[in-house]
Amino acid sequence: EAVSRGEPVAFDCEWRPRNCHADPSDDDGSLQLLQLATRREAFVVDVAAFASPGAEESRSELRRCLLRLLRAEESEKLGFASGEDLRRLETSLPGVTEGAANMRDLQRAATRAVGSP
């Protein structure tokens, strides 16, 4: 609904943390959680659960919804240092970030606002 009203949608992605003593080859880039928020609602999506056997139909529906969201020009998508988030999202759901529109990374504006270079 927020997309159809042209409201901004904030997003953030989380993946398994890298342990400094762990084998770097263990990090397959898989997205674990996707957080989405509008002014009125917030959602946490367990993306890893969609990768389990038998979840193909649900995974396809998630991909379809995210494509619609990310391609919606009328709705600004807000992230913070979102480059890696988008890369992980694309790794987990190939093609989902193609054609993404009206994406805004707030990192630069935030660092300027607090007086950092």
Foldseek 3Di string as FASTA:
>chain_A
DCLVVLFAKEKDWDDDDDDPPDDPVVCPLATQWMWIDTPVDIDIDGLVVCVDPPNVVVNVVVLVVLLCVQQRQSYAYEYAVCPSVVVSVCSSPPPSNVNGHNYDHCNVVVCVVVPHD
